[in-house]
């Protein structure tokens, strides 16, 4: 399976049933090709993309495949901030022997699919400074497809805005320093900074590598935006609480509605019916309450999906800044992401994102980031129940950042043990041959000394 993403957007947009009204939403047509040596029957091609991205087709079935091609259109469908511009193409089929097989290809969509060029803003609430060891690059060269009205500028500043967002809060400004080797990204919304920061780093690596290995070093200078991050998480948590309240009230009103229905049916079946005693009025009022609560619950669900995407973006940004601050290797970044997971999109009534991350961070603090002789070995188990507030969550995140600032690295216990074993093995190999005596030689020398040789 091969995936081809064009560099240009569609001349005529393929967006369908878009909920964004103020902008003309673009689309990009991705070509997915399937080929095999022998014909394969009943192949299902599934397209998976995270909201607010949508695809013109989410599933395509083929009766028989030797070499087929299909075109999938992608576009932005909701008004909240996307946390990713990647999608997955998944092909599932069975071999001739009946064994199931799955082929997955990642589709990296262009950033201009979700952002447009706007004039840069001079001031902003949130600011991130990225430091490098290379001279600053003209932004017109890094973002040739996202210039727009910034095309005739000096290349020191560009402005970007997500489609369908408030222009007063969601404009991301990227600045390149004239005198130092730094870049600054600023915006009034923290979650809006994730995708432009990721895109900037990827373009810098690509610019300086040019197909060869580069000595480019990228670091983050400044304090971690923990309080701003906690604000984003708190909004998501309060919506979870509101959803639980709506569920309980909705359940009570539904039980009340059924009880009134039973009372009315008994009155209607009675041979000598008694007065309704305003039961019909109470039934109508309860029904209107059910409709209002259902609408409020649906609105809360949408808001929860929006804030979940914001928390995902903010968590990915925080993980990136921690990785750049301490110069972590890729395996350390993977451990950090597994602990401070950005996967907030999985909805679960039993286990929420906040409690799962809190337990994971607490486990890390008691194991690989434990203080010597104090927290090590004190692994506690707790039920994943919804907390009343995020006090412990915030405390554990702060402790995680503080201990990472002191140690500067992150590794699991098994990895540390294996590294120590490798070091000991290398030290044993470096010993001189004269100092290493085989066991048979030691026994022979001992017998010879006893015989007086």
Protein backbone atom coordinates (compact mmCIF):
# COMPACT_ATOMS: atom_id res chain seq x y z
CA UNK A 1 0.00 0.00 0.00
CA UNK A 2 1.35 3.40 -0.99
CA UNK A 3 0.02 6.82 -0.04
CA UNK A 4 0.56 9.99 -2.11
CA UNK A 5 -0.17 13.39 -0.56
CA UNK A 6 -0.13 16.32 -3.02
CA UNK A 7 1.68 19.54 -2.13
CA UNK A 8 -1.29 21.69 -3.20
CA UNK A 9 -4.85 21.83 -1.96
CA UNK A 10 -7.83 20.96 -4.13
CA UNK A 11 -8.95 23.65 -6.58
CA UNK A 12 -12.56 22.79 -5.70
CA UNK A 13 -13.07 21.83 -2.08
CA UNK A 14 -14.52 18.41 -1.24
CA UNK A 15 -15.70 19.46 2.23
CA UNK A 16 -19.16 18.14 3.09
CA UNK A 17 -21.57 19.13 5.89
CA UNK A 18 -18.99 21.48 7.39
CA UNK A 19 -19.95 23.10 10.70
CA UNK A 20 -17.56 26.02 10.15
CA UNK A 21 -19.55 28.86 8.58
CA UNK A 22 -17.20 31.85 8.50
CA UNK A 23 -14.41 30.39 6.33
CA UNK A 24 -14.13 28.51 3.07
CA UNK A 25 -12.73 25.19 4.22
CA UNK A 26 -10.12 23.67 1.89
CA UNK A 27 -9.57 19.99 1.22
CA UNK A 28 -6.72 17.80 0.01
CA UNK A 29 -7.12 14.66 -2.10
CA UNK A 30 -4.86 11.78 -1.06
CA UNK A 31 -4.27 8.88 -3.43
CA UNK A 32 -4.13 5.43 -1.83
CA UNK A 33 -2.85 2.60 -4.02
CA UNK A 34 -3.12 -1.12 -3.25
CA UNK A 35 -1.14 -3.71 -5.17
CA UNK A 36 -0.27 -7.37 -4.66
CA UNK A 37 1.37 -10.18 -6.60
CA UNK A 38 -1.65 -12.46 -6.53
CA UNK A 39 -5.35 -11.51 -6.44
CA UNK A 40 -6.75 -11.04 -2.93
CA UNK A 41 -10.48 -11.11 -2.29
CA UNK A 42 -12.55 -9.02 0.12
CA UNK A 43 -10.10 -6.24 1.00
CA UNK A 44 -11.39 -3.50 3.31
CA UNK A 45 -9.65 -0.11 3.33
CA UNK A 46 -10.45 1.96 6.44
CA UNK A 47 -9.51 5.60 6.99
CA UNK A 48 -8.93 6.77 10.56
CA UNK A 49 -8.47 10.44 11.41
CA UNK A 50 -8.96 12.21 14.73
CA UNK A 51 -11.60 14.95 15.08
CA UNK A 52 -12.00 17.67 13.93
CA UNK A 53 -10.58 16.21 10.70
CA UNK A 54 -12.97 14.30 8.47
CA UNK A 55 -12.62 12.16 5.36
CA UNK A 56 -14.93 11.88 2.36
CA UNK A 57 -14.82 8.09 2.76
CA UNK A 58 -14.10 6.21 5.96
CA UNK A 59 -14.33 2.70 4.48
CA UNK A 60 -13.86 1.34 0.96
CA UNK A 61 -14.33 -2.36 0.14
CA UNK A 62 -12.85 -4.18 -2.83
CA UNK A 63 -14.14 -7.56 -4.03
CA UNK A 64 -10.76 -8.43 -5.55
CA UNK A 65 -7.45 -6.59 -5.54
CA UNK A 66 -4.46 -6.87 -7.84
CA UNK A 67 -3.76 -3.19 -8.37
CA UNK A 68 -6.36 -0.59 -7.44
CA UNK A 69 -6.30 3.12 -6.63
CA UNK A 70 -8.76 5.26 -4.70
CA UNK A 71 -8.83 8.94 -3.79
CA UNK A 72 -9.74 10.10 -0.27
CA UNK A 73 -10.47 13.74 0.51
CA UNK A 74 -9.60 15.24 3.92
CA UNK A 75 -10.91 18.48 5.39
CA UNK A 76 -11.58 20.27 8.69
CA UNK A 77 -15.12 19.75 9.93
CA UNK A 78 -15.36 21.24 13.43
CA UNK A 79 -14.56 24.59 15.00
CA UNK A 80 -12.11 23.37 17.66
CA UNK A 81 -8.33 23.07 17.50
CA UNK A 82 -6.95 19.86 15.92
CA UNK A 83 -4.27 18.02 17.84
CA UNK A 84 -2.89 16.17 14.82
CA UNK A 85 -2.72 16.47 11.04
CA UNK A 86 -2.04 12.78 10.48
CA UNK A 87 -4.41 10.01 9.49
CA UNK A 88 -4.07 6.26 9.07
CA UNK A 89 -4.99 4.10 6.11
CA UNK A 90 -5.67 0.51 7.26
CA UNK A 91 -6.13 -2.37 4.82
CA UNK A 92 -7.47 -5.65 6.23
CA UNK A 93 -7.78 -8.95 4.36
CA UNK A 94 -7.39 -12.72 4.69
CA UNK A 95 -4.71 -14.77 3.00
CA UNK A 96 -5.40 -17.86 0.90
CA UNK A 97 -4.97 -19.99 4.04
CA UNK A 98 -7.49 -17.85 5.95
CA UNK A 99 -4.98 -15.97 8.14
CA UNK A 100 -5.96 -12.33 8.79
CA UNK A 101 -3.53 -9.60 7.74
CA UNK A 102 -3.41 -5.85 8.40
CA UNK A 103 -1.40 -3.20 6.55
CA UNK A 104 -1.19 0.32 8.01
CA UNK A 105 0.20 3.47 6.38
CA UNK A 106 0.40 6.88 8.00
CA UNK A 107 -0.90 9.87 6.04
CA UNK A 108 0.78 13.16 6.94
CA UNK A 109 -1.49 15.98 5.85
CA UNK A 110 -0.19 19.51 5.17
CA UNK A 111 -0.56 22.15 7.86
CA UNK A 112 -2.26 24.56 5.42
CA UNK A 113 -5.24 22.17 5.48
CA UNK A 114 -6.14 23.47 8.96
CA UNK A 115 -4.39 26.87 9.12
CA UNK A 116 -4.34 30.02 7.00
CA UNK A 117 -1.99 32.99 6.77
CA UNK A 118 -2.96 36.13 8.70
CA UNK A 119 -1.05 39.24 9.81
CA UNK A 120 1.23 38.50 12.80
CA UNK A 121 0.30 39.81 16.24
CA UNK A 122 2.74 41.91 18.25
CA UNK A 123 1.61 40.77 21.69
CA UNK A 124 0.30 37.47 23.06
CA UNK A 125 -0.34 35.76 26.38
CA UNK A 126 1.69 32.57 25.86
CA UNK A 127 5.23 32.65 24.47
CA UNK A 128 7.65 29.84 23.65
CA UNK A 129 11.30 30.43 22.75
CA UNK A 130 13.18 27.76 20.80
CA UNK A 131 16.99 27.97 20.78
CA UNK A 132 19.26 26.38 18.15
CA UNK A 133 22.98 26.20 17.40
CA UNK A 134 22.50 27.37 13.81
CA UNK A 135 21.90 30.81 12.28
CA UNK A 136 18.20 31.68 11.99
CA UNK A 137 16.50 30.77 8.73
CA UNK A 138 14.27 33.11 6.80
CA UNK A 139 10.70 32.09 7.57
CA UNK A 140 9.71 32.61 3.93
CA UNK A 141 11.99 29.67 3.08
CA UNK A 142 10.68 27.46 5.89
CA UNK A 143 6.98 28.09 5.24
CA UNK A 144 6.62 28.80 1.51
CA UNK A 145 3.13 27.28 1.45
CA UNK A 146 1.84 29.26 4.44
CA UNK A 147 2.89 32.80 3.52
CA UNK A 148 -0.28 34.24 1.99
CA UNK A 149 -0.40 37.90 2.86
CA UNK A 150 3.04 37.53 4.52
CA UNK A 151 4.71 36.66 1.20
CA UNK A 152 6.18 40.12 0.67
CA UNK A 153 7.53 40.45 4.20
CA UNK A 154 11.12 40.30 5.36
CA UNK A 155 10.74 36.72 6.57
CA UNK A 156 11.18 37.60 10.23
CA UNK A 157 7.54 37.14 11.25
CA UNK A 158 4.51 35.23 9.97
CA UNK A 159 1.02 34.81 11.37
CA UNK A 160 -1.11 31.66 11.24
CA UNK A 161 -4.69 31.01 12.34
CA UNK A 162 -6.76 27.84 12.54
CA UNK A 163 -9.88 27.83 10.39
CA UNK A 164 -13.09 28.58 12.24
CA UNK A 165 -11.40 30.01 15.37
CA UNK A 166 -11.57 33.41 17.01
CA UNK A 167 -9.01 35.69 15.30
CA UNK A 168 -8.47 37.54 18.57
CA UNK A 169 -7.34 34.43 20.48
CA UNK A 170 -6.13 31.82 17.99
CA UNK A 171 -3.50 33.67 15.92
CA UNK A 172 -0.08 32.04 16.21
CA UNK A 173 2.85 34.35 15.47
CA UNK A 174 6.26 32.87 14.59
CA UNK A 175 9.24 35.21 14.97
CA UNK A 176 12.83 34.63 13.87
CA UNK A 177 15.49 36.61 15.75
CA UNK A 178 17.79 38.89 13.78
CA UNK A 179 20.70 38.79 16.23
CA UNK A 180 20.46 35.40 17.97
CA UNK A 181 19.77 31.79 17.00
CA UNK A 182 16.27 31.74 18.44
CA UNK A 183 12.68 31.47 17.30
CA UNK A 184 9.65 32.60 19.25
CA UNK A 185 6.09 31.34 18.95
CA UNK A 186 3.31 33.23 20.69
CA UNK A 187 -0.45 32.98 20.94
CA UNK A 188 -3.28 33.72 23.34
CA UNK A 189 -4.26 30.01 23.46
CA UNK A 190 -1.74 27.44 24.67
CA UNK A 191 -3.19 24.53 22.69
CA UNK A 192 -2.85 26.46 19.42
CA UNK A 193 0.95 26.46 19.79
CA UNK A 194 1.43 22.69 19.46
CA UNK A 195 1.09 22.10 15.71
CA UNK A 196 3.06 25.22 14.61
CA UNK A 197 5.87 24.37 17.08
CA UNK A 198 6.03 20.80 15.83
CA UNK A 199 6.00 22.00 12.20
CA UNK A 200 8.77 24.53 12.87
CA UNK A 201 11.05 21.92 14.42
CA UNK A 202 10.42 19.44 11.59
CA UNK A 203 11.16 22.07 8.95
CA UNK A 204 14.36 23.15 10.71
CA UNK A 205 15.59 19.55 10.85
CA UNK A 206 14.74 19.05 7.18
CA UNK A 207 16.35 22.36 6.16
CA UNK A 208 19.68 21.64 7.84
CA UNK A 209 19.84 17.95 7.06
CA UNK A 210 19.25 18.05 3.27
CA UNK A 211 19.50 14.26 3.17
CA UNK A 212 22.61 14.18 5.38
CA UNK A 213 23.19 13.86 9.08
CA UNK A 214 23.26 17.24 10.77
CA UNK A 215 24.60 18.51 14.08
CA UNK A 216 21.57 20.70 14.64
CA UNK A 217 20.66 21.03 18.30
CA UNK A 218 17.30 22.39 19.38
CA UNK A 219 16.52 23.30 22.98
CA UNK A 220 13.86 25.10 24.93
CA UNK A 221 14.78 27.95 27.24
CA UNK A 222 12.38 29.30 29.82
CA UNK A 223 9.96 28.01 32.40
CA UNK A 224 7.49 25.29 31.58
CA UNK A 225 3.92 26.66 31.16
CA UNK A 226 2.51 24.49 33.94
CA UNK A 227 -0.14 26.90 35.23
CA UNK A 228 -1.43 27.50 31.72
CA UNK A 229 -1.45 23.75 31.15
CA UNK A 230 -3.41 23.15 34.36
CA UNK A 231 -6.00 25.69 33.21
CA UNK A 232 -6.64 23.69 30.02
CA UNK A 233 -6.88 20.43 31.99
CA UNK A 234 -9.20 22.01 34.57
CA UNK A 235 -11.69 23.02 31.87
CA UNK A 236 -11.81 19.44 30.60
CA UNK A 237 -12.23 18.07 34.14
CA UNK A 238 -15.10 20.46 34.98
CA UNK A 239 -16.91 19.37 31.84
CA UNK A 240 -16.55 15.74 32.95
CA UNK A 241 -18.16 16.67 36.27
CA UNK A 242 -20.96 18.49 34.45
CA UNK A 243 -21.56 15.47 32.22
CA UNK A 244 -21.89 13.21 35.28
CA UNK A 245 -24.43 15.62 36.79
CA UNK A 246 -26.43 15.66 33.57
CA UNK A 247 -26.43 11.85 33.49
CA UNK A 248 -27.74 11.56 37.05
CA UNK A 249 -30.45 14.19 36.57
CA UNK A 250 -31.44 12.67 33.24
CA UNK A 251 -31.73 9.24 34.87
CA UNK A 252 -33.92 10.64 37.66
CA UNK A 253 -36.22 12.47 35.24
CA UNK A 254 -36.54 9.36 33.07
CA UNK A 255 -37.54 7.29 36.11
CA UNK A 256 -40.04 9.99 37.08
CA UNK A 257 -41.47 10.03 33.54
CA UNK A 258 -42.00 6.26 33.57
CA UNK A 259 -43.63 6.39 37.00
CA UNK A 260 -46.12 9.05 35.83
CA UNK A 261 -46.88 6.98 32.74
CA UNK A 262 -47.71 3.96 34.91
CA UNK A 263 -50.01 6.07 37.10
CA UNK A 264 -51.85 7.41 34.05
CA UNK A 265 -52.23 3.95 32.52
CA UNK A 266 -53.73 2.67 35.75
CA UNK A 267 -56.20 5.56 35.76
CA UNK A 268 -57.19 4.91 32.14
CA UNK A 269 -57.67 1.16 32.72
CA UNK A 270 -59.83 1.67 35.81
CA UNK A 271 -63.57 1.06 35.18
CA UNK A 272 -64.42 3.97 37.44
CA UNK A 273 -61.62 6.42 36.58
CA UNK A 274 -60.62 8.95 39.18
CA UNK A 275 -59.58 12.52 38.35
CA UNK A 276 -56.10 12.85 36.78
CA UNK A 277 -54.99 15.20 39.57
CA UNK A 278 -52.76 17.14 37.15
CA UNK A 279 -50.80 14.01 36.24
CA UNK A 280 -51.06 14.95 32.55
CA UNK A 281 -49.54 18.36 33.29
CA UNK A 282 -46.77 16.75 35.31
CA UNK A 283 -46.12 14.31 32.45
CA UNK A 284 -45.82 17.15 29.94
CA UNK A 285 -43.47 19.10 32.23
CA UNK A 286 -41.27 16.07 32.80
CA UNK A 287 -41.15 15.43 29.06
CA UNK A 288 -39.98 19.00 28.39
CA UNK A 289 -37.32 18.61 31.08
CA UNK A 290 -36.10 15.42 29.39
CA UNK A 291 -35.78 17.25 26.08
CA UNK A 292 -33.87 20.14 27.66
CA UNK A 293 -31.56 17.81 29.58
CA UNK A 294 -30.88 15.76 26.46
CA UNK A 295 -29.87 18.89 24.54
CA UNK A 296 -27.67 20.04 27.43
CA UNK A 297 -26.05 16.60 27.60
CA UNK A 298 -25.31 16.60 23.86
CA UNK A 299 -23.81 20.09 24.11
CA UNK A 300 -21.64 19.00 27.04
CA UNK A 301 -20.47 15.98 25.04
CA UNK A 302 -19.40 18.26 22.18
CA UNK A 303 -17.63 20.63 24.56
CA UNK A 304 -15.92 17.64 26.15
CA UNK A 305 -14.67 16.52 22.75
CA UNK A 306 -13.38 20.03 22.06
CA UNK A 307 -11.53 20.29 25.37
CA UNK A 308 -10.18 16.76 24.94
CA UNK A 309 -8.50 17.89 21.72
CA UNK A 310 -7.15 20.96 23.54
CA UNK A 311 -5.74 18.82 26.37
CA UNK A 312 -4.15 16.50 23.80
CA UNK A 313 -2.44 19.44 22.08
CA UNK A 314 -1.33 21.00 25.36
CA UNK A 315 0.02 17.67 26.67
CA UNK A 316 1.98 17.02 23.48
CA UNK A 317 3.42 20.53 23.70
CA UNK A 318 4.40 20.06 27.35
CA UNK A 319 6.09 16.73 26.58
CA UNK A 320 8.00 18.36 23.72
CA UNK A 321 9.17 21.26 25.89
CA UNK A 322 10.32 18.88 28.65
CA UNK A 323 12.19 16.78 26.08
CA UNK A 324 13.91 19.84 24.59
CA UNK A 325 14.69 21.32 28.02
CA UNK A 326 16.66 18.26 29.18
CA UNK A 327 17.97 17.09 25.82
CA UNK A 328 16.26 13.71 26.14
CA UNK A 329 16.91 10.84 23.77
CA UNK A 330 14.04 9.34 21.78
CA UNK A 331 13.55 6.41 24.18
CA UNK A 332 13.36 8.84 27.12
CA UNK A 333 10.77 10.90 25.23
CA UNK A 334 8.78 7.71 24.60
CA UNK A 335 8.80 6.87 28.32
CA UNK A 336 7.66 10.40 29.16
CA UNK A 337 4.82 10.22 26.63
CA UNK A 338 3.75 6.83 27.99
CA UNK A 339 3.61 8.37 31.47
CA UNK A 340 2.14 11.79 30.63
CA UNK A 341 -0.07 10.38 27.90
CA UNK A 342 -1.65 12.77 25.38
CA UNK A 343 -4.30 10.19 24.45
CA UNK A 344 -7.38 11.99 25.74
CA UNK A 345 -9.73 11.06 22.91
CA UNK A 346 -10.72 7.65 24.30
CA UNK A 347 -14.02 8.23 26.09
CA UNK A 348 -14.62 6.05 29.12
CA UNK A 349 -17.18 6.34 31.88
CA UNK A 350 -15.15 4.23 34.31
CA UNK A 351 -11.62 5.57 33.82
CA UNK A 352 -10.99 9.18 32.89
CA UNK A 353 -7.81 10.65 31.48
CA UNK A 354 -6.96 12.66 34.60
CA UNK A 355 -6.95 9.69 36.98
CA UNK A 356 -5.06 7.44 34.55
CA UNK A 357 -2.29 10.00 34.07
CA UNK A 358 -2.18 10.77 37.80
CA UNK A 359 -1.64 7.09 38.64
CA UNK A 360 1.04 6.74 35.95
CA UNK A 361 2.94 9.84 37.12
CA UNK A 362 2.69 8.76 40.76
CA UNK A 363 4.11 5.36 39.82
CA UNK A 364 7.05 7.00 38.04
CA UNK A 365 7.74 9.19 41.07
CA UNK A 366 7.87 6.10 43.32
CA UNK A 367 10.06 4.02 41.00
CA UNK A 368 12.51 5.35 38.43
CA UNK A 369 12.27 8.97 39.68
CA UNK A 370 12.21 8.07 43.38
CA UNK A 371 14.53 9.71 45.85
CA UNK A 372 17.23 7.35 47.09
CA UNK A 373 16.06 5.43 50.16
CA UNK A 374 12.85 7.39 50.54
CA UNK A 375 10.25 6.67 47.87
CA UNK A 376 11.89 3.67 46.20
CA UNK A 377 9.84 0.53 46.59
CA UNK A 378 6.80 2.34 48.00
CA UNK A 379 4.55 1.37 45.11
CA UNK A 380 0.96 1.96 46.10
CA UNK A 381 -2.13 0.73 44.30
CA UNK A 382 -5.25 2.84 44.08
CA UNK A 383 -8.62 2.57 42.41
CA UNK A 384 -9.11 4.64 39.28
CA UNK A 385 -12.08 6.61 40.51
CA UNK A 386 -12.95 10.12 39.45
CA UNK A 387 -11.38 12.60 41.91
CA UNK A 388 -13.21 15.57 43.39
CA UNK A 389 -10.51 18.02 42.25
CA UNK A 390 -7.13 18.10 40.52
CA UNK A 391 -4.97 19.06 43.50
CA UNK A 392 -3.03 15.77 43.55
CA UNK A 393 -2.80 15.72 39.78
CA UNK A 394 -1.17 19.14 39.70
CA UNK A 395 1.13 18.26 42.60
CA UNK A 396 2.37 15.10 40.88
CA UNK A 397 2.99 16.88 37.57
CA UNK A 398 5.03 19.56 39.36
CA UNK A 399 7.04 16.89 41.19
CA UNK A 400 7.67 15.11 37.90
CA UNK A 401 9.05 18.28 36.31
CA UNK A 402 11.16 19.12 39.39
CA UNK A 403 12.78 15.70 39.57
CA UNK A 404 13.42 15.66 35.84
CA UNK A 405 15.10 19.05 36.22
CA UNK A 406 17.41 17.56 38.88
CA UNK A 407 18.20 14.23 37.21
CA UNK A 408 18.06 15.37 33.58
CA UNK A 409 17.21 11.89 32.30
CA UNK A 410 14.44 9.32 32.43
CA UNK A 411 14.77 5.56 32.22
CA UNK A 412 13.01 2.46 33.42
CA UNK A 413 14.56 0.16 36.01
CA UNK A 414 15.03 -2.69 33.53
CA UNK A 415 16.80 -0.39 31.09
CA UNK A 416 19.10 0.93 33.81
CA UNK A 417 19.96 -2.61 34.88
CA UNK A 418 20.70 -3.69 31.31
CA UNK A 419 22.89 -0.62 30.76
CA UNK A 420 24.82 -1.40 33.96
CA UNK A 421 25.28 -5.01 32.81
CA UNK A 422 26.60 -3.81 29.45
CA UNK A 423 29.05 -1.44 31.16
CA UNK A 424 30.32 -4.22 33.42
CA UNK A 425 30.73 -6.54 30.42
CA UNK A 426 32.68 -3.88 28.53
CA UNK A 427 34.91 -3.31 31.57
CA UNK A 428 35.62 -7.05 31.79
CA UNK A 429 36.55 -7.15 28.09
CA UNK A 430 38.97 -4.26 28.55
CA UNK A 431 41.05 -6.13 31.15
CA UNK A 432 44.53 -7.25 30.00
CA UNK A 433 44.94 -10.94 29.04
CA UNK A 434 47.73 -11.38 31.60
CA UNK A 435 45.43 -10.64 34.48
CA UNK A 436 42.86 -13.21 33.36
CA UNK A 437 43.93 -16.81 34.15
CA UNK A 438 41.78 -19.74 32.96
CA UNK A 439 40.38 -22.06 35.58
CA UNK A 440 42.34 -25.08 34.23
CA UNK A 441 45.60 -23.13 34.46
CA UNK A 442 44.85 -22.13 38.05
CA UNK A 443 44.33 -25.79 39.00
CA UNK A 444 47.54 -26.84 37.20
CA UNK A 445 49.58 -24.16 38.96
CA UNK A 446 48.17 -25.20 42.32
CA UNK A 447 49.17 -28.86 41.77
CA UNK A 448 52.63 -27.88 40.59
CA UNK A 449 53.30 -25.80 43.67
CA UNK A 450 52.34 -28.68 45.91
CA UNK A 451 54.86 -30.97 44.14
CA UNK A 452 57.64 -28.41 44.52
CA UNK A 453 58.06 -27.72 40.81
